[in-house]
Amino acid sequence: MNDEGLWFTIAAMSLLIKNACIFTCDQDIVIPDGYLEIKDNQITGLGKMSAFPVERTAHGAWRIIDAHGRVVMPGFVNPHMHLYSQFAKGLNLPKMASFLEVLECLWWKLDKALKEEDIYLSAYLGLIESIRSGVTTVIDHHASYGSIKGSLTAVAEAFSETGMRGALCFEVSDRNGEKDCKKAIEENVSFLEEVAEKCMSPSYLLRGMFGLHASFTLSPATIKKVHEANEKFGAPYHIHVAEGEEDAADAKARYNFSVVRRLYDEGVLREGTIAAHCVHVNDVDIELIKKSGAFVVHNPVSNMNNAVGRMHYLKMCAAGLSVGIGTDGMGSGVFTDIKAASVLHKEAAGNPQAGWNEVHMSALKTNPSIPSHLFGKKLGVIAGGAEADVIISDYIPSTEVKADNYWGHTLFGVVDSRVHSTIVGGRVLMEGFKLEHIDEAAIIKEARKLSTSLWKRFEK
């Protein structure tokens, strides 16, 4: 870990991206041959190359990137991620016949085996993948019941050293007993206090949420303690909601309510809450989520992988819910889940055009609205005064690009292409496929060593 401070607090030089095909995602404006100016952490100018004032770059304080016709657009957001999952790649696992067995035999065993150095490196690896995948903001939901205290600081260090934007929380659960539950609440509080001290700085790229696992591992008493601990922060909650049938059945048996009704009545579902999954919900639940003001995050690849069912995505969108698309730790980049969502619900509806507008809204509008709410800043658009979280795709459109077809170019061009460059808060994290300020080979070498020890602890 780096003890020398946060490199991304260092002042950045002005940046110019020229010869770019710009998708602003702001009022769906497209500039086929444009330029983009960035100073410090914000977008300060954009327009057509023919109108670019060359005299602005006459002095040497500019860094210039020539996009050569590539698409330049806002960075993508992953609104539900588990960075601690990186060391699960390659694990030998037993047969698992249900979602509960997946939790018990894989994820709950893994998070109890993690040590602080594993947490840091797993987060680092996931953030490197995020940068390479064009994700500029990661909203992480962390669990490490083998190493609770200081775990969010370890994750935060990985964000700091990679230069990524994000929001962090620790997953509170009763599954390991009262003592660990108390420590998990305290870890959220500790990080929220740290954020409160630093968030006034425009270059501080982290925010806090209050993490909860799921209804079926949380007693009413624990939720009450969480509310009491969160009272002075008013932080949004981040929780799995009705992901598997186990969660839905538990709520029905214990409270004679749906998961959504229980969490709504107990104050967990409210404005700004991230309700991940929401697979096993009914029409009444959908209305309650809408009334609460919570964000919903659809994780289609994870849901299919765990065989938990298919979210009523189109119905939720039609009801006016704010539905984003995340990965749930299945990957660091959201492109696969965006493409999956775009086809999954066509099959479900029996309509080859179903989901076109909805997935567009989720990927390019709702996803960035979640960190915009957390940061109180304009994210997810290329516009004057917006935060400079920008990517250059290795996609050069071979057909005309207009305001009414840029989503088609995004879904069938950008999503299928590599990411050329990634910029977060005005800092270039990757240019020309090459990471800056990051020794990826050294991180991977260290991760391989740690993973061997971690797997041995996991298999005990």
Foldseek 3Di string as FASTA:
>chain_A
DDPPDFPLVDFAFKEKEFQEFEQFLPLLFTAQGKMWIDGQFFTADMDHPVPDDPVVPPDPRYDYHYLNQFYKFFFWEFAEAELLCQLVVPFDWDDDDALVSCCVGPVVLLLLLDDLVSLLLSLLVLVVQLFFQRHQEYEYEYGRLNYQPCSVVSSVVSCRLLVGAYEYEYEQFCPVHDVSNVSRLVNLLVVQVVCVVPLVDPSRRYHYAYEYEAQLGDDLVSLVVSCVSCVVPVHQYEYEAPLAVVRQVSCCVPPVDGRLVVCLVSVNQAALHEHERQAPDDPVSLVSSVVRNYEYEHAPVVSVVNVRHHRPQLVSVVVPHLYAYHHHHPGSHRLVRLLCQLPVVCVVVVHNRPPLVVSVCRTQPSSQVSVCVRSVFAHRGRDRRHGPWMWGWPFRDPDDDGSVCVSVCCNPTRSPTTTAWTAGSNRTQHHRSRGPSDPVVVSVVVNVVVSVVSSVSSVD
